[in-house]
Amino acid sequence: MGQITSEFMRQVQRTSFDGFSEKTIRETKKALIDTIGCMLAGTRSPIGKATMEVFEGFGGQPESSVIGSKRKVPVAIAAYINAETCVGPDLSDNYQPESVILSHPGEAVIPAVLALGEKKGCTLRDLYTAVVVGYETAGRYALAIEPRRPEVYSFSTHYTLAAAVGCGKILGFSDDEMEKNLGMAGALASLPVTGQMWGFRKRPASWHRDMPGHSNFSAVIASQYIRAGFEGSRSLLDPETEFYKIAGSDHFNPDHLLKDWGKKYVIDELTFKQVPT
C-alpha cells in the first residue's frame, strides 16, 4: 500500500454530491452538456466516422449507448467510440489554471463514466460525483507531472487514471478496490505520443494526440478486472513507483494531488473552446 495513493483515494471516497456547491453542480452539468455535444458533432468527423465503421461489426451485449446513433454495444466499446467522437471536433473542454492547457478532462472522463453509469443504472447524483472526482484526478495529476519532456505531446496516459477513478466511484468500490483499480488502470494505460508521431505540423494529421478512446476503454476494462477479483498495484501515485515517467515527465510533485482538496474543484475552473485549435 502506498501512502500517497491511499490518502488520495481517501479524499476521493470522502467526496460526495452533498458537499458540492451550487457552482460545482452547475459547472458539472455544463461539462456534461458540452462533452455530449462534442460526441454528437464528432459522429460527422473523420475520426468519428472511422471509429464507428471499425466497430460496426463488433458483437456483444447491448449495454450502453453509442451517442448519436440508435446502437447499444458493450460498455467498454461504447466508452471507446464516444471518446473518439468526442475528440473529433477538437472542441473538448480545457483545464488551464495558468497560460498552458494541462488537460481536456471531458474527453478523458465522461465517455467511460457515462457508459458505465448507463449500464449500472446510476443516479444523476452518482454520475455528477464520478465526473467531479474524475476531473479532479485529471487536473491534479497533470499539475503534479508538469512540465513534461518537450517531445511528449499528449495527455493519454493520465486520462486513463482519471477515467478509472470515475468508474470506481460509479461502481461503489471500497478504498482497497479503488487503489487496486488505479493500479490496474496504470498497467493498461496508453503511452503518450510525440509531436512527430502525431504529425502536428502536417495535414491531414495521421492521428490525434490524446487517444481518449484507448484511455476510456482501458479504464472500464480495469474496473471490470477489479470486480472479478484481480489484483492491481496499490501504490501507483507514490513517487517510488515512477509511473510519472511513463506519462512523459522527469519529475513528480505529489503535493498537487492532495493540497486543498474540496476547497475548490478542477471542474469549477474549466474553459471552453469557441473554435477548434
C-alpha atoms as a PDB file:
ATOM      1  CA  MET A   1       0.000   0.000   0.000  1.00  0.00           C
ATOM      2  CA  GLY A   2       1.355   3.426  -0.959  1.00  0.00           C
ATOM      3  CA  GLN A   3       0.904   6.380   1.379  1.00  0.00           C
ATOM      4  CA  ILE A   4       0.141   8.981  -1.323  1.00  0.00           C
ATOM      5  CA  THR A   5      -2.146   6.636  -3.239  1.00  0.00           C
ATOM      6  CA  SER A   6      -4.010   5.696  -0.087  1.00  0.00           C
ATOM      7  CA  GLU A   7      -4.502   9.305   1.024  1.00  0.00           C
ATOM      8  CA  PHE A   8      -5.595  10.356  -2.458  1.00  0.00           C
ATOM      9  CA  MET A   9      -8.223   7.635  -2.535  1.00  0.00           C
ATOM     10  CA  ARG A  10      -9.459   8.595   0.918  1.00  0.00           C
ATOM     11  CA  GLN A  11     -10.117  12.085  -0.448  1.00  0.00           C
ATOM     12  CA  VAL A  12     -11.908  10.611  -3.470  1.00  0.00           C
ATOM     13  CA  GLN A  13     -14.062   8.408  -1.261  1.00  0.00           C
ATOM     14  CA  ARG A  14     -14.990  11.316   1.015  1.00  0.00           C
ATOM     15  CA  THR A  15     -16.180  13.370  -1.944  1.00  0.00           C
ATOM     16  CA  SER A  16     -19.961  13.302  -2.244  1.00  0.00           C
ATOM     17  CA  PHE A  17     -22.667  15.180  -4.089  1.00  0.00           C
ATOM     18  CA  ASP A  18     -23.965  16.598  -0.810  1.00  0.00           C
ATOM     19  CA  GLY A  19     -20.720  18.529  -0.386  1.00  0.00           C
ATOM     20  CA  PHE A  20     -20.851  20.265  -3.775  1.00  0.00           C
ATOM     21  CA  SER A  21     -21.568  23.957  -4.076  1.00  0.00           C
ATOM     22  CA  GLU A  22     -24.166  25.280  -6.490  1.00  0.00           C
ATOM     23  CA  LYS A  23     -21.285  26.399  -8.703  1.00  0.00           C
ATOM     24  CA  THR A  24     -19.781  22.907  -8.828  1.00  0.00           C
ATOM     25  CA  ILE A  25     -23.147  21.339  -9.706  1.00  0.00           C
ATOM     26  CA  ARG A  26     -23.717  23.968 -12.388  1.00  0.00           C
ATOM     27  CA  GLU A  27     -20.234  23.503 -13.866  1.00  0.00           C
ATOM     28  CA  THR A  28     -20.611  19.710 -13.865  1.00  0.00           C
ATOM     29  CA  LYS A  29     -23.871  19.996 -15.760  1.00  0.00           C
ATOM     30  CA  LYS A  30     -22.208  22.357 -18.222  1.00  0.00           C
ATOM     31  CA  ALA A  31     -19.288  19.945 -18.713  1.00  0.00           C
ATOM     32  CA  LEU A  32     -21.639  17.036 -19.403  1.00  0.00           C
ATOM     33  CA  ILE A  33     -23.684  19.031 -21.925  1.00  0.00           C
ATOM     34  CA  ASP A  34     -20.544  20.328 -23.643  1.00  0.00           C
ATOM     35  CA  THR A  35     -18.949  16.876 -23.882  1.00  0.00           C
ATOM     36  CA  ILE A  36     -22.090  15.149 -25.131  1.00  0.00           C
ATOM     37  CA  GLY A  37     -22.396  17.930 -27.702  1.00  0.00           C
ATOM     38  CA  CYS A  38     -18.858  17.179 -28.850  1.00  0.00           C
ATOM     39  CA  MET A  39     -19.774  13.493 -29.164  1.00  0.00           C
ATOM     40  CA  LEU A  40     -22.788  14.314 -31.316  1.00  0.00           C
ATOM     41  CA  ALA A  41     -20.830  16.657 -33.562  1.00  0.00           C
ATOM     42  CA  GLY A  42     -17.967  14.185 -33.710  1.00  0.00           C
ATOM     43  CA  THR A  43     -20.060  11.480 -35.339  1.00  0.00           C
ATOM     44  CA  ARG A  44     -19.558  13.510 -38.551  1.00  0.00           C
ATOM     45  CA  SER A  45     -15.801  13.973 -38.084  1.00  0.00           C
ATOM     46  CA  PRO A  46     -13.239  11.783 -39.904  1.00  0.00           C
ATOM     47  CA  ILE A  47     -12.081  10.044 -36.706  1.00  0.00           C
ATOM     48  CA  GLY A  48     -15.675   9.613 -35.531  1.00  0.00           C
ATOM     49  CA  LYS A  49     -16.827   8.103 -38.815  1.00  0.00           C
ATOM     50  CA  ALA A  50     -13.805   5.817 -38.980  1.00  0.00           C
ATOM     51  CA  THR A  51     -14.249   4.634 -35.381  1.00  0.00           C
ATOM     52  CA  MET A  52     -17.925   3.856 -35.862  1.00  0.00           C
ATOM     53  CA  GLU A  53     -17.091   1.961 -39.053  1.00  0.00           C
ATOM     54  CA  VAL A  54     -14.309  -0.021 -37.355  1.00  0.00           C
ATOM     55  CA  PHE A  55     -16.627  -1.153 -34.566  1.00  0.00           C
ATOM     56  CA  GLU A  56     -19.682  -1.692 -36.764  1.00  0.00           C
ATOM     57  CA  GLY A  57     -19.163  -5.435 -36.913  1.00  0.00           C
ATOM     58  CA  PHE A  58     -18.319  -5.966 -33.257  1.00  0.00           C
ATOM     59  CA  GLY A  59     -20.873  -8.008 -31.365  1.00  0.00           C
ATOM     60  CA  GLY A  60     -21.584  -8.363 -27.670  1.00  0.00           C
ATOM     61  CA  GLN A  61     -24.184  -7.403 -25.115  1.00  0.00           C
ATOM     62  CA  PRO A  62     -26.176  -4.192 -25.813  1.00  0.00           C
ATOM     63  CA  GLU A  63     -25.202  -2.452 -22.563  1.00  0.00           C
ATOM     64  CA  SER A  64     -24.505   1.214 -23.311  1.00  0.00           C
ATOM     65  CA  SER A  65     -25.435   3.744 -25.970  1.00  0.00           C
ATOM     66  CA  VAL A  66     -23.324   4.994 -28.838  1.00  0.00           C
ATOM     67  CA  ILE A  67     -24.141   8.696 -28.621  1.00  0.00           C
ATOM     68  CA  GLY A  68     -25.602   9.969 -31.887  1.00  0.00           C
ATOM     69  CA  SER A  69     -26.935   6.594 -33.015  1.00  0.00           C
ATOM     70  CA  LYS A  70     -29.547   4.034 -32.018  1.00  0.00           C
ATOM     71  CA  ARG A  71     -26.940   1.376 -31.262  1.00  0.00           C
ATOM     72  CA  LYS A  72     -26.099  -0.164 -27.920  1.00  0.00           C
ATOM     73  CA  VAL A  73     -22.828  -2.033 -27.508  1.00  0.00           C
ATOM     74  CA  PRO A  74     -20.740  -3.492 -24.664  1.00  0.00           C
ATOM     75  CA  VAL A  75     -19.864  -0.824 -22.116  1.00  0.00           C
ATOM     76  CA  ALA A  76     -16.136  -0.668 -22.885  1.00  0.00           C
ATOM     77  CA  ILE A  77     -16.810  -0.356 -26.630  1.00  0.00           C
ATOM     78  CA  ALA A  78     -19.328   2.432 -26.029  1.00  0.00           C
ATOM     79  CA  ALA A  79     -16.734   4.269 -23.932  1.00  0.00           C
ATOM     80  CA  TYR A  80     -14.194   3.907 -26.743  1.00  0.00           C
ATOM     81  CA  ILE A  81     -16.475   5.078 -29.547  1.00  0.00           C
ATOM     82  CA  ASN A  82     -17.931   8.001 -27.614  1.00  0.00           C
ATOM     83  CA  ALA A  83     -14.467   9.197 -26.609  1.00  0.00           C
ATOM     84  CA  GLU A  84     -13.263   9.151 -30.196  1.00  0.00           C
ATOM     85  CA  THR A  85     -16.305  11.004 -31.499  1.00  0.00           C
ATOM     86  CA  CYS A  86     -15.844  13.488 -28.649  1.00  0.00           C
ATOM     87  CA  VAL A  87     -12.336  14.416 -29.767  1.00  0.00           C
ATOM     88  CA  GLY A  88     -13.350  14.715 -33.431  1.00  0.00           C
ATOM     89  CA  PRO A  89     -14.484  18.364 -33.465  1.00  0.00           C
ATOM     90  CA  ASP A  90     -11.461  19.473 -31.384  1.00  0.00           C
ATOM     91  CA  LEU A  91     -13.734  21.381 -29.020  1.00  0.00           C
ATOM     92  CA  SER A  92     -13.159  19.485 -25.779  1.00  0.00           C
ATOM     93  CA  ASP A  93     -13.113  21.476 -22.544  1.00  0.00           C
ATOM     94  CA  ASN A  94      -9.819  22.722 -21.090  1.00  0.00           C
ATOM     95  CA  TYR A  95      -8.181  22.667 -17.702  1.00  0.00           C
ATOM     96  CA  GLN A  96      -5.926  25.693 -17.967  1.00  0.00           C
ATOM     97  CA  PRO A  97      -5.063  27.001 -14.489  1.00  0.00           C
ATOM     98  CA  GLU A  98      -2.470  29.366 -15.946  1.00  0.00           C
ATOM     99  CA  SER A  99      -1.450  30.002 -19.547  1.00  0.00           C
ATOM    100  CA  VAL A 100      -0.881  26.398 -20.620  1.00  0.00           C
ATOM    101  CA  ILE A 101      -3.619  23.812 -21.184  1.00  0.00           C
ATOM    102  CA  LEU A 102      -2.837  20.823 -18.951  1.00  0.00           C
ATOM    103  CA  SER A 103      -5.749  18.540 -19.793  1.00  0.00           C
ATOM    104  CA  HIS A 104      -9.027  18.115 -21.655  1.00  0.00           C
ATOM    105  CA  PRO A 105     -10.848  16.286 -18.856  1.00  0.00           C
ATOM    106  CA  GLY A 106     -14.224  15.921 -20.580  1.00  0.00           C
ATOM    107  CA  GLU A 107     -12.935  13.536 -23.227  1.00  0.00           C
ATOM    108  CA  ALA A 108     -10.858  11.812 -20.554  1.00  0.00           C
ATOM    109  CA  VAL A 109     -13.617  11.020 -18.076  1.00  0.00           C
ATOM    110  CA  ILE A 110     -17.177  11.414 -19.328  1.00  0.00           C
ATOM    111  CA  PRO A 111     -17.288   8.700 -22.043  1.00  0.00           C
ATOM    112  CA  ALA A 112     -16.332   5.994 -19.546  1.00  0.00           C
ATOM    113  CA  VAL A 113     -18.493   7.090 -16.615  1.00  0.00           C
ATOM    114  CA  LEU A 114     -21.473   7.801 -18.864  1.00  0.00           C
ATOM    115  CA  ALA A 115     -21.298   4.340 -20.454  1.00  0.00           C
ATOM    116  CA  LEU A 116     -20.728   2.553 -17.156  1.00  0.00           C
ATOM    117  CA  GLY A 117     -23.361   4.645 -15.401  1.00  0.00           C
ATOM    118  CA  GLU A 118     -25.922   3.739 -18.070  1.00  0.00           C
ATOM    119  CA  LYS A 119     -25.165   0.040 -17.685  1.00  0.00           C
ATOM    120  CA  LYS A 120     -25.395   0.227 -13.898  1.00  0.00           C
ATOM    121  CA  GLY A 121     -28.468   2.486 -13.896  1.00  0.00           C
ATOM    122  CA  CYS A 122     -26.803   5.030 -11.627  1.00  0.00           C
ATOM    123  CA  THR A 123     -28.487   8.181 -10.352  1.00  0.00           C
ATOM    124  CA  LEU A 124     -27.686  11.650 -11.649  1.00  0.00           C
ATOM    125  CA  ARG A 125     -26.121  12.436  -8.284  1.00  0.00           C
ATOM    126  CA  ASP A 126     -23.778   9.454  -8.640  1.00  0.00           C
ATOM    127  CA  LEU A 127     -22.920  10.441 -12.213  1.00  0.00           C
ATOM    128  CA  TYR A 128     -22.079  14.016 -11.194  1.00  0.00           C
ATOM    129  CA  THR A 129     -19.905  12.789  -8.328  1.00  0.00           C
ATOM    130  CA  ALA A 130     -17.996  10.403 -10.602  1.00  0.00           C
ATOM    131  CA  VAL A 131     -17.414  13.184 -13.115  1.00  0.00           C
ATOM    132  CA  VAL A 132     -16.129  15.584 -10.444  1.00  0.00           C
ATOM    133  CA  VAL A 133     -13.605  13.120  -8.976  1.00  0.00           C
ATOM    134  CA  GLY A 134     -12.519  12.058 -12.463  1.00  0.00           C
ATOM    135  CA  TYR A 135     -11.880  15.679 -13.449  1.00  0.00           C
ATOM    136  CA  GLU A 136     -10.097  16.212 -10.147  1.00  0.00           C
ATOM    137  CA  THR A 137      -7.762  13.309 -10.907  1.00  0.00           C
ATOM    138  CA  ALA A 138      -7.061  14.538 -14.442  1.00  0.00           C
ATOM    139  CA  GLY A 139      -6.255  18.065 -13.341  1.00  0.00           C
ATOM    140  CA  ARG A 140      -4.304  17.272 -10.199  1.00  0.00           C
ATOM    141  CA  TYR A 141      -2.169  14.571 -11.822  1.00  0.00           C
ATOM    142  CA  ALA A 142      -1.426  16.887 -14.748  1.00  0.00           C
ATOM    143  CA  LEU A 143      -0.233  19.564 -12.318  1.00  0.00           C
ATOM    144  CA  ALA A 144       1.895  17.017 -10.471  1.00  0.00           C
ATOM    145  CA  ILE A 145       3.857  15.955 -13.573  1.00  0.00           C
ATOM    146  CA  GLU A 146       4.256  19.274 -15.395  1.00  0.00           C
ATOM    147  CA  PRO A 147       6.449  20.320 -17.067  1.00  0.00           C
ATOM    148  CA  ARG A 148       6.783  17.148 -19.091  1.00  0.00           C
ATOM    149  CA  ARG A 149       9.536  16.309 -21.552  1.00  0.00           C
ATOM    150  CA  PRO A 150       9.277  18.579 -24.613  1.00  0.00           C
ATOM    151  CA  GLU A 151       8.914  15.754 -27.116  1.00  0.00           C
ATOM    152  CA  VAL A 152       5.811  14.387 -25.360  1.00  0.00           C
ATOM    153  CA  TYR A 153       2.622  15.660 -26.903  1.00  0.00           C
ATOM    154  CA  SER A 154      -0.415  14.001 -25.403  1.00  0.00           C
ATOM    155  CA  PHE A 155      -2.341  13.536 -22.173  1.00  0.00           C
ATOM    156  CA  SER A 156      -3.480   9.976 -22.870  1.00  0.00           C
ATOM    157  CA  THR A 157      -1.624   8.267 -20.026  1.00  0.00           C
ATOM    158  CA  HIS A 158      -3.109  10.258 -17.173  1.00  0.00           C
ATOM    159  CA  TYR A 159      -6.509  10.227 -18.911  1.00  0.00           C
ATOM    160  CA  THR A 160      -6.730   6.530 -18.070  1.00  0.00           C
ATOM    161  CA  LEU A 161      -6.214   7.235 -14.371  1.00  0.00           C
ATOM    162  CA  ALA A 162      -8.897   9.923 -14.357  1.00  0.00           C
ATOM    163  CA  ALA A 163     -11.464   7.740 -16.084  1.00  0.00           C
ATOM    164  CA  ALA A 164     -10.655   4.828 -13.766  1.00  0.00           C
ATOM    165  CA  VAL A 165     -11.306   6.914 -10.653  1.00  0.00           C
ATOM    166  CA  GLY A 166     -14.672   7.948 -12.090  1.00  0.00           C
ATOM    167  CA  CYS A 167     -15.516   4.334 -12.943  1.00  0.00           C
ATOM    168  CA  GLY A 168     -14.606   3.157  -9.443  1.00  0.00           C
ATOM    169  CA  LYS A 169     -16.885   5.793  -7.976  1.00  0.00           C
ATOM    170  CA  ILE A 170     -19.766   4.690 -10.234  1.00  0.00           C
ATOM    171  CA  LEU A 171     -19.294   1.090  -9.116  1.00  0.00           C
ATOM    172  CA  GLY A 172     -19.103   1.952  -5.416  1.00  0.00           C
ATOM    173  CA  PHE A 173     -15.668   0.431  -4.913  1.00  0.00           C
ATOM    174  CA  SER A 174     -14.189   0.163  -1.435  1.00  0.00           C
ATOM    175  CA  ASP A 175     -10.981   2.038  -0.564  1.00  0.00           C
ATOM    176  CA  ASP A 176      -8.953  -1.095  -1.258  1.00  0.00           C
ATOM    177  CA  GLU A 177     -10.680  -1.686  -4.600  1.00  0.00           C
ATOM    178  CA  MET A 178     -10.189   1.945  -5.618  1.00  0.00           C
ATOM    179  CA  GLU A 179      -6.445   1.708  -5.034  1.00  0.00           C
ATOM    180  CA  LYS A 180      -6.159  -1.536  -6.983  1.00  0.00           C
ATOM    181  CA  ASN A 181      -8.366  -0.152  -9.742  1.00  0.00           C
ATOM    182  CA  LEU A 182      -5.989   2.767 -10.212  1.00  0.00           C
ATOM    183  CA  GLY A 183      -3.049   0.369 -10.356  1.00  0.00           C
ATOM    184  CA  MET A 184      -4.785  -1.768 -12.945  1.00  0.00           C
ATOM    185  CA  ALA A 185      -5.611   1.330 -14.993  1.00  0.00           C
ATOM    186  CA  GLY A 186      -1.960   2.326 -14.919  1.00  0.00           C
ATOM    187  CA  ALA A 187      -0.968  -1.104 -16.204  1.00  0.00           C
ATOM    188  CA  LEU A 188      -3.417  -0.751 -19.103  1.00  0.00           C
ATOM    189  CA  ALA A 189      -2.782   2.944 -19.818  1.00  0.00           C
ATOM    190  CA  SER A 190      -1.848   4.224 -23.265  1.00  0.00           C
ATOM    191  CA  LEU A 191       1.630   5.551 -23.878  1.00  0.00           C
ATOM    192  CA  PRO A 192       1.818   9.224 -24.864  1.00  0.00           C
ATOM    193  CA  VAL A 193       2.721  10.187 -28.422  1.00  0.00           C
ATOM    194  CA  THR A 194       5.415  12.557 -29.633  1.00  0.00           C
ATOM    195  CA  GLY A 195       4.860  15.598 -31.807  1.00  0.00           C
ATOM    196  CA  GLN A 196       6.388  13.746 -34.764  1.00  0.00           C
ATOM    197  CA  MET A 197       4.119  10.722 -34.274  1.00  0.00           C
ATOM    198  CA  TRP A 198       1.038  12.900 -34.232  1.00  0.00           C
ATOM    199  CA  GLY A 199       2.093  14.823 -37.342  1.00  0.00           C
ATOM    200  CA  PHE A 200       1.050  18.118 -35.743  1.00  0.00           C
ATOM    201  CA  ARG A 201       2.598  20.248 -38.484  1.00  0.00           C
ATOM    202  CA  LYS A 202       1.361  18.115 -41.359  1.00  0.00           C
ATOM    203  CA  ARG A 203      -2.130  17.905 -42.799  1.00  0.00           C
ATOM    204  CA  PRO A 204      -4.038  15.761 -42.780  1.00  0.00           C
ATOM    205  CA  ALA A 205      -2.862  14.671 -39.334  1.00  0.00           C
ATOM    206  CA  SER A 206      -2.107  10.960 -39.171  1.00  0.00           C
ATOM    207  CA  TRP A 207      -3.875  10.576 -35.837  1.00  0.00           C
ATOM    208  CA  HIS A 208      -4.867  12.708 -32.894  1.00  0.00           C
ATOM    209  CA  ARG A 209      -2.668  13.215 -29.924  1.00  0.00           C
ATOM    210  CA  ASP A 210      -4.677  12.271 -26.864  1.00  0.00           C
ATOM    211  CA  MET A 211      -6.235   8.932 -27.848  1.00  0.00           C
ATOM    212  CA  PRO A 212      -9.147   9.184 -25.390  1.00  0.00           C
ATOM    213  CA  GLY A 213     -10.799   6.071 -26.816  1.00  0.00           C
ATOM    214  CA  HIS A 214      -7.961   3.884 -25.586  1.00  0.00           C
ATOM    215  CA  SER A 215      -7.932   5.633 -22.214  1.00  0.00           C
ATOM    216  CA  ASN A 216     -11.668   5.294 -21.565  1.00  0.00           C
ATOM    217  CA  PHE A 217     -11.715   1.714 -22.813  1.00  0.00           C
ATOM    218  CA  SER A 218      -8.795   0.775 -20.560  1.00  0.00           C
ATOM    219  CA  ALA A 219     -10.420   2.409 -17.541  1.00  0.00           C
ATOM    220  CA  VAL A 220     -13.633   0.440 -17.992  1.00  0.00           C
ATOM    221  CA  ILE A 221     -11.696  -2.802 -18.515  1.00  0.00           C
ATOM    222  CA  ALA A 222      -9.589  -2.106 -15.420  1.00  0.00           C
ATOM    223  CA  SER A 223     -12.724  -1.713 -13.300  1.00  0.00           C
ATOM    224  CA  GLN A 224     -14.092  -4.991 -14.614  1.00  0.00           C
ATOM    225  CA  TYR A 225     -10.860  -6.796 -13.701  1.00  0.00           C
ATOM    226  CA  ILE A 226     -11.109  -5.470 -10.151  1.00  0.00           C
ATOM    227  CA  ARG A 227     -14.740  -6.557  -9.912  1.00  0.00           C
ATOM    228  CA  ALA A 228     -13.581 -10.010 -10.981  1.00  0.00           C
ATOM    229  CA  GLY A 229     -11.185 -10.101  -8.032  1.00  0.00           C
ATOM    230  CA  PHE A 230      -7.950  -9.388  -9.905  1.00  0.00           C
ATOM    231  CA  GLU A 231      -5.126  -7.530  -8.183  1.00  0.00           C
ATOM    232  CA  GLY A 232      -3.601  -4.201  -9.176  1.00  0.00           C
ATOM    233  CA  SER A 233      -0.780  -2.113  -7.736  1.00  0.00           C
ATOM    234  CA  ARG A 234      -1.865  -0.143  -4.668  1.00  0.00           C
ATOM    235  CA  SER A 235       0.905   2.463  -4.931  1.00  0.00           C
ATOM    236  CA  LEU A 236       0.558   3.907  -8.432  1.00  0.00           C
ATOM    237  CA  LEU A 237       0.615   7.536  -7.251  1.00  0.00           C
ATOM    238  CA  ASP A 238       3.614   7.127  -4.979  1.00  0.00           C
ATOM    239  CA  PRO A 239       6.908   8.585  -6.260  1.00  0.00           C
ATOM    240  CA  GLU A 240       8.858   5.343  -5.912  1.00  0.00           C
ATOM    241  CA  THR A 241       6.516   3.641  -8.413  1.00  0.00           C
ATOM    242  CA  GLU A 242       7.733   6.152 -11.050  1.00  0.00           C
ATOM    243  CA  PHE A 243       4.594   5.973 -13.144  1.00  0.00           C
ATOM    244  CA  TYR A 244       5.086   9.656 -13.964  1.00  0.00           C
ATOM    245  CA  LYS A 245       7.978   8.649 -16.225  1.00  0.00           C
ATOM    246  CA  ILE A 246       5.586   6.635 -18.381  1.00  0.00           C
ATOM    247  CA  ALA A 247       3.360   9.729 -18.558  1.00  0.00           C
ATOM    248  CA  GLY A 248       6.262  11.655 -20.090  1.00  0.00           C
ATOM    249  CA  SER A 249       7.747  13.535 -17.139  1.00  0.00           C
ATOM    250  CA  ASP A 250      11.052  13.514 -15.314  1.00  0.00           C
ATOM    251  CA  HIS A 251       9.634  14.869 -12.083  1.00  0.00           C
ATOM    252  CA  PHE A 252       6.622  14.411  -9.842  1.00  0.00           C
ATOM    253  CA  ASN A 253       5.227  16.651  -7.112  1.00  0.00           C
ATOM    254  CA  PRO A 254       2.601  14.686  -5.136  1.00  0.00           C
ATOM    255  CA  ASP A 255       1.600  17.790  -3.158  1.00  0.00           C
ATOM    256  CA  HIS A 256      -0.612  18.739  -6.098  1.00  0.00           C
ATOM    257  CA  LEU A 257      -2.635  15.556  -5.603  1.00  0.00           C
ATOM    258  CA  LEU A 258      -3.757  16.402  -2.074  1.00  0.00           C
ATOM    259  CA  LYS A 259      -3.469  20.129  -1.433  1.00  0.00           C
ATOM    260  CA  ASP A 260      -6.722  21.974  -0.621  1.00  0.00           C
ATOM    261  CA  TRP A 261      -8.944  19.066  -1.706  1.00  0.00           C
ATOM    262  CA  GLY A 262     -12.586  20.120  -1.624  1.00  0.00           C
ATOM    263  CA  LYS A 263     -11.945  23.861  -1.229  1.00  0.00           C
ATOM    264  CA  LYS A 264     -12.365  24.188  -4.974  1.00  0.00           C
ATOM    265  CA  TYR A 265     -12.611  21.680  -7.785  1.00  0.00           C
ATOM    266  CA  VAL A 266     -10.930  21.377 -11.166  1.00  0.00           C
ATOM    267  CA  ILE A 267     -14.359  21.332 -12.772  1.00  0.00           C
ATOM    268  CA  ASP A 268     -15.018  24.825 -11.344  1.00  0.00           C
ATOM    269  CA  GLU A 269     -12.108  26.241 -13.362  1.00  0.00           C
ATOM    270  CA  LEU A 270     -12.777  24.930 -16.866  1.00  0.00           C
ATOM    271  CA  THR A 271     -12.555  26.957 -20.030  1.00  0.00           C
ATOM    272  CA  PHE A 272     -14.400  26.098 -23.223  1.00  0.00           C
ATOM    273  CA  LYS A 273     -13.214  26.421 -26.796  1.00  0.00           C
ATOM    274  CA  GLN A 274     -15.088  28.712 -29.122  1.00  0.00           C
ATOM    275  CA  VAL A 275     -13.314  27.333 -32.216  1.00  0.00           C
ATOM    276  CA  PRO A 276     -11.175  24.225 -32.884  1.00  0.00           C
ATOM    277  CA  THR A 277      -7.468  24.587 -32.156  1.00  0.00           C
END
